[in-house]
Amino acid sequence: GHPAHPATGALVADAIGRAVAASGLPDGVFSHLVGPSNELGAALVADPRIAAVGFTGSRGGGLALMKIAQAREVPIPVYAEMSSINPVLLLPAALEARAAALGAAYVGSLTLGAGQFCTNPGLVLAIEGEGVDTFVQAATDAVLQADAQTMLTTGIHAAYEKGVQALADNPGVEALGRGKEGNAATIGQAALFSTTAAQFLADKALGHEVFGASSVIVRCKDEGELRQVLAAAEGQLTITLHMDAADEALAGRLMPLLERKAGRIRANGW
């Protein structure tokens, strides 16, 4: 159980325990352990009775557990989701047809739940052309109007602010706008940035997850640059295509690359 929400963890564990009993499953098929998360997690992964690990969380946390698992006398597998920026591709015909609507919908998805969803759109890729400026302006306008929201923990909030500040301080990145301010210690303001494909390819830090309502728009000169950015990206939970009928040929050319990068490919949704 995560110490940030012990009561919620207890409620969920109780529901699972009752479901186990009602289903006639063996006693002990589910257990809920409570304690400091780092120490308890490390002890569990090191225990020889544990045969495999599932983990969702930070890159640092996941890599730490992987090292413990690999150091065991009998190494075990670790199935980890350790950050994802979920690229969104705005293909040319769709962008030309509905750039402003896409900009507003994008920020709606970005700010949902203070941006604390694993499928949050942390990266947008667009080929320069008709509609790109309109999209950027619509997204910027929406971010400026976005309400501040309470983040899950002080640690998550601190990491978010650090990540946003790093983007703001990056000379290769343009800060487009921040959302409305709040008046509580863990309030997160939405943040939107823009950069070029060349700059993104030159700076690996721009591909790191900032967990929260922060996102980077990457402007690509042509299909070649778009492909380069996708090839440089790490594995993702999702990749989204916004496309019209005229974009189908381009989408088809990209698909062999996309299907090797993401566990789920979406079309015209968020």
Protein backbone atom coordinates (compact mmCIF):
# COMPACT_ATOMS: atom_id res chain seq x y z
CA GLY A 1 0.00 0.00 0.00
CA HIS A 2 1.25 3.47 -0.85
CA PRO A 3 1.71 5.69 2.23
CA ALA A 4 0.27 8.70 0.40
CA HIS A 5 -3.24 7.24 0.60
CA PRO A 6 -3.41 4.64 3.40
CA ALA A 7 -7.16 4.86 3.99
CA THR A 8 -7.98 4.51 0.29
CA GLY A 9 -5.58 1.57 0.09
CA ALA A 10 -7.34 -0.11 3.00
CA LEU A 11 -10.77 0.37 1.40
CA VAL A 12 -9.60 -1.12 -1.91
CA ALA A 13 -7.82 -3.99 -0.18
CA ASP A 14 -10.97 -4.80 1.77
CA ALA A 15 -13.02 -4.87 -1.44
CA ILE A 16 -10.50 -7.19 -3.12
CA GLY A 17 -10.39 -9.43 -0.04
CA ARG A 18 -14.18 -9.79 -0.04
CA ALA A 19 -14.14 -10.53 -3.79
CA VAL A 20 -11.50 -13.22 -3.27
CA ALA A 21 -13.63 -14.87 -0.59
CA ALA A 22 -16.81 -14.62 -2.64
CA SER A 23 -15.07 -16.23 -5.61
CA GLY A 24 -13.83 -19.17 -3.58
CA LEU A 25 -10.17 -18.46 -4.25
CA PRO A 26 -7.53 -19.76 -1.82
CA ASP A 27 -6.68 -17.80 1.31
CA GLY A 28 -3.59 -15.70 0.78
CA VAL A 29 -4.03 -15.24 -2.98
CA PHE A 30 -4.15 -11.51 -2.20
CA SER A 31 -2.29 -9.61 0.52
CA HIS A 32 -2.10 -5.92 1.36
CA LEU A 33 1.04 -4.81 3.19
CA VAL A 34 1.35 -1.36 4.74
CA GLY A 35 4.60 0.45 5.46
CA PRO A 36 7.15 2.92 4.08
CA SER A 37 6.93 2.24 0.35
CA ASN A 38 10.64 2.25 -0.59
CA GLU A 39 11.82 -0.03 2.20
CA LEU A 40 8.87 -2.41 1.97
CA GLY A 41 9.07 -2.64 -1.81
CA ALA A 42 12.80 -3.36 -1.72
CA ALA A 43 12.32 -6.07 0.93
CA LEU A 44 9.58 -7.76 -1.09
CA VAL A 45 11.60 -7.79 -4.32
CA ALA A 46 14.63 -9.22 -2.49
CA ASP A 47 12.61 -11.99 -0.79
CA PRO A 48 13.28 -15.40 -2.42
CA ARG A 49 9.57 -16.29 -2.17
CA ILE A 50 8.69 -13.54 -4.65
CA ALA A 51 8.75 -14.81 -8.25
CA ALA A 52 7.88 -11.68 -10.26
CA VAL A 53 7.25 -7.96 -9.78
CA GLY A 54 4.79 -5.52 -11.30
CA PHE A 55 5.44 -1.81 -10.82
CA THR A 56 3.99 1.50 -11.95
CA GLY A 57 5.78 4.67 -10.92
CA SER A 58 8.89 6.72 -11.40
CA ARG A 59 11.84 5.75 -13.55
CA GLY A 60 14.13 5.93 -10.52
CA GLY A 61 11.90 3.68 -8.44
CA GLY A 62 11.49 1.10 -11.19
CA LEU A 63 15.20 0.95 -11.98
CA ALA A 64 16.00 0.53 -8.28
CA LEU A 65 13.68 -2.48 -8.06
CA MET A 66 15.15 -3.94 -11.26
CA LYS A 67 18.64 -3.79 -9.77
CA ILE A 68 17.47 -5.62 -6.63
CA ALA A 69 15.75 -8.28 -8.73
CA GLN A 70 18.84 -8.77 -10.92
CA ALA A 71 21.14 -9.05 -7.89
CA ARG A 72 19.23 -12.01 -6.43
CA GLU A 73 20.75 -15.49 -6.56
CA VAL A 74 17.86 -16.38 -8.86
CA PRO A 75 16.95 -13.19 -10.79
CA ILE A 76 13.25 -12.54 -11.39
CA PRO A 77 11.36 -10.50 -14.00
CA VAL A 78 10.20 -6.96 -13.27
CA TYR A 79 7.28 -5.69 -15.34
CA ALA A 80 7.51 -1.92 -14.99
CA GLU A 81 5.76 1.14 -16.41
CA MET A 82 8.27 3.84 -15.57
CA SER A 83 7.09 7.02 -17.31
CA SER A 84 5.46 7.74 -20.65
CA ILE A 85 4.94 10.98 -22.56
CA ASN A 86 2.39 9.53 -25.02
CA PRO A 87 3.14 11.38 -28.28
CA VAL A 88 0.22 12.89 -30.19
CA LEU A 89 0.71 13.24 -33.95
CA LEU A 90 -1.23 16.01 -35.69
CA LEU A 91 -1.26 14.95 -39.35
CA PRO A 92 -1.50 17.73 -41.95
CA ALA A 93 -5.05 17.34 -43.30
CA ALA A 94 -6.58 17.03 -39.84
CA LEU A 95 -4.61 20.04 -38.65
CA GLU A 96 -5.70 22.14 -41.61
CA ALA A 97 -9.34 21.18 -41.08
CA ARG A 98 -9.71 21.67 -37.32
CA ALA A 99 -6.60 23.18 -35.75
CA ALA A 100 -8.39 25.35 -33.19
CA ALA A 101 -10.66 22.54 -31.99
CA LEU A 102 -7.67 20.21 -31.65
CA GLY A 103 -5.82 22.81 -29.58
CA ALA A 104 -8.67 23.15 -27.11
CA ALA A 105 -9.26 19.39 -26.86
CA TYR A 106 -5.56 18.77 -26.33
CA VAL A 107 -5.43 21.07 -23.30
CA GLY A 108 -8.60 19.47 -21.94
CA SER A 109 -6.82 16.11 -21.99
CA LEU A 110 -3.55 17.58 -20.71
CA THR A 111 -5.14 19.13 -17.61
CA LEU A 112 -7.49 16.26 -16.72
CA GLY A 113 -6.81 15.25 -13.11
CA ALA A 114 -4.00 17.82 -12.87
CA GLY A 115 -2.25 15.89 -15.62
CA GLN A 116 -1.67 12.90 -13.34
CA PHE A 117 -2.69 10.18 -15.78
CA CYS A 118 -0.18 7.71 -17.22
CA THR A 119 -1.62 8.40 -20.70
CA ASN A 120 -1.35 12.19 -20.37
CA PRO A 121 -0.34 13.83 -23.71
CA GLY A 122 3.14 15.08 -22.80
CA LEU A 123 4.37 15.50 -26.38
CA VAL A 124 2.70 16.81 -29.54
CA LEU A 125 4.31 16.41 -32.98
CA ALA A 126 3.24 18.47 -35.98
CA ILE A 127 4.67 19.07 -39.46
CA GLU A 128 4.97 22.75 -40.32
CA GLY A 129 2.13 23.89 -42.55
CA GLU A 130 -1.41 25.19 -42.62
CA GLY A 131 -2.94 25.15 -39.15
CA VAL A 132 0.11 24.75 -36.92
CA ASP A 133 0.12 28.35 -35.71
CA THR A 134 -3.64 28.22 -35.19
CA PHE A 135 -3.29 25.05 -33.12
CA VAL A 136 -0.51 26.53 -30.99
CA GLN A 137 -2.49 29.72 -30.35
CA ALA A 138 -5.64 27.81 -29.42
CA ALA A 139 -3.70 25.54 -27.07
CA THR A 140 -1.93 28.50 -25.48
CA ASP A 141 -5.21 30.34 -24.94
CA ALA A 142 -6.71 27.24 -23.31
CA VAL A 143 -3.72 26.75 -21.00
CA LEU A 144 -3.87 30.35 -19.82
CA GLN A 145 -7.49 29.76 -18.78
CA ALA A 146 -6.82 26.39 -17.10
CA ASP A 147 -7.58 26.32 -13.39
CA ALA A 148 -4.88 25.29 -10.93
CA GLN A 149 -5.46 21.83 -9.44
CA THR A 150 -4.33 19.98 -6.34
CA MET A 151 -1.72 17.31 -7.05
CA LEU A 152 -1.61 13.96 -5.29
CA THR A 153 1.34 14.44 -2.93
CA THR A 154 3.91 17.03 -1.95
CA GLY A 155 6.59 14.89 -3.57
CA ILE A 156 4.76 14.67 -6.90
CA HIS A 157 4.14 18.41 -6.81
CA ALA A 158 7.80 19.18 -6.08
CA ALA A 159 8.96 16.92 -8.92
CA TYR A 160 6.47 18.58 -11.28
CA GLU A 161 7.64 22.07 -10.42
CA LYS A 162 11.27 20.99 -10.88
CA GLY A 163 10.49 19.50 -14.30
CA VAL A 164 8.56 22.56 -15.46
CA GLN A 165 11.34 24.88 -14.29
CA ALA A 166 13.92 22.83 -16.20
CA LEU A 167 11.90 23.27 -19.40
CA ALA A 168 11.43 26.98 -18.75
CA ASP A 169 15.19 27.41 -18.24
CA ASN A 170 16.11 25.46 -21.40
CA PRO A 171 17.35 27.92 -24.06
CA GLY A 172 16.09 25.63 -26.84
CA VAL A 173 12.51 25.70 -25.55
CA GLU A 174 9.88 28.44 -25.84
CA ALA A 175 7.52 28.84 -22.89
CA LEU A 176 4.03 29.38 -24.35
CA GLY A 177 2.02 29.82 -21.17
CA ARG A 178 1.10 28.76 -17.64
CA GLY A 179 -2.32 28.14 -16.19
CA LYS A 180 -3.96 30.06 -13.39
CA GLU A 181 -2.22 30.25 -10.02
CA GLY A 182 -3.52 28.59 -6.87
CA ASN A 183 -3.07 29.29 -3.17
CA ALA A 184 -2.23 25.88 -1.68
CA ALA A 185 1.07 24.10 -1.17
CA THR A 186 0.49 21.33 -3.72
CA ILE A 187 -1.39 23.28 -6.40
CA GLY A 188 -0.16 22.53 -9.93
CA GLN A 189 -0.31 25.09 -12.75
CA ALA A 190 -0.59 23.79 -16.29
CA ALA A 191 2.45 24.52 -18.47
CA LEU A 192 2.89 24.52 -22.24
CA PHE A 193 6.14 24.67 -24.20
CA SER A 194 7.30 24.55 -27.81
CA THR A 195 10.51 23.48 -29.51
CA THR A 196 11.84 22.37 -32.88
CA ALA A 197 12.51 18.82 -33.96
CA ALA A 198 16.22 19.62 -34.30
CA GLN A 199 16.36 20.85 -30.71
CA PHE A 200 14.39 17.87 -29.44
CA LEU A 201 16.80 15.47 -31.15
CA ALA A 202 19.80 17.32 -29.72
CA ASP A 203 18.57 17.28 -26.12
CA LYS A 204 17.43 13.95 -24.66
CA ALA A 205 16.07 15.71 -21.57
CA LEU A 206 13.17 17.03 -23.66
CA GLY A 207 11.89 13.48 -23.97
CA HIS A 208 11.71 12.89 -20.22
CA GLU A 209 8.34 12.71 -18.50
CA VAL A 210 7.18 15.64 -16.39
CA PHE A 211 4.36 14.01 -14.41
CA GLY A 212 1.57 16.56 -14.38
CA ALA A 213 -0.14 19.02 -16.71
CA SER A 214 2.98 19.94 -18.69
CA SER A 215 3.52 19.27 -22.39
CA VAL A 216 5.88 20.12 -25.25
CA ILE A 217 4.85 20.85 -28.84
CA VAL A 218 7.54 19.77 -31.31
CA ARG A 219 7.43 21.47 -34.72
CA CYS A 220 8.88 19.30 -37.49
CA LYS A 221 10.00 20.63 -40.89
CA ASP A 222 8.81 17.58 -42.82
CA GLU A 223 7.94 13.90 -42.60
CA GLY A 224 11.62 13.03 -42.32
CA GLU A 225 12.04 15.05 -39.14
CA LEU A 226 8.81 13.62 -37.74
CA ARG A 227 10.15 10.11 -38.28
CA GLN A 228 13.45 11.03 -36.63
CA VAL A 229 11.70 12.31 -33.51
CA LEU A 230 9.56 9.18 -33.28
CA ALA A 231 12.58 6.94 -33.77
CA ALA A 232 14.42 8.75 -30.95
CA ALA A 233 11.49 8.47 -28.54
CA GLU A 234 11.44 5.75 -25.90
CA GLY A 235 8.71 3.15 -25.59
CA GLN A 236 5.30 4.58 -24.77
CA LEU A 237 1.97 3.49 -23.35
CA THR A 238 0.08 5.26 -26.14
CA ILE A 239 0.61 7.10 -29.40
CA THR A 240 -2.30 9.06 -30.89
CA LEU A 241 -2.91 10.01 -34.52
CA HIS A 242 -5.24 12.87 -35.38
CA MET A 243 -5.97 12.31 -39.04
CA ASP A 244 -8.43 12.78 -41.89
CA ALA A 245 -8.89 10.64 -45.00
CA ALA A 246 -6.16 12.56 -46.82
CA ASP A 247 -3.70 11.59 -44.06
CA GLU A 248 -4.16 7.83 -44.47
CA ALA A 249 -1.13 7.33 -46.72
CA LEU A 250 1.16 9.14 -44.26
CA ALA A 251 -0.31 7.22 -41.34
CA GLY A 252 0.33 3.98 -43.18
CA ARG A 253 3.97 4.87 -43.72
CA LEU A 254 4.37 5.70 -40.04
CA MET A 255 2.58 2.65 -38.66
CA PRO A 256 5.53 0.18 -38.80
CA LEU A 257 7.44 2.59 -36.54
CA LEU A 258 4.53 3.46 -34.25
CA GLU A 259 3.55 -0.14 -33.52
CA ARG A 260 7.04 -0.81 -32.19
CA LYS A 261 6.97 2.21 -29.91
CA ALA A 262 3.61 2.03 -28.16
CA GLY A 263 1.37 -0.52 -26.50
CA ARG A 264 -1.75 1.22 -27.81
CA ILE A 265 -2.29 3.36 -30.92
CA ARG A 266 -5.31 5.68 -30.91
CA ALA A 267 -6.93 7.54 -33.78
CA ASN A 268 -8.84 10.82 -33.41
CA GLY A 269 -9.27 10.63 -29.66
CA TRP A 270 -7.56 11.57 -26.41
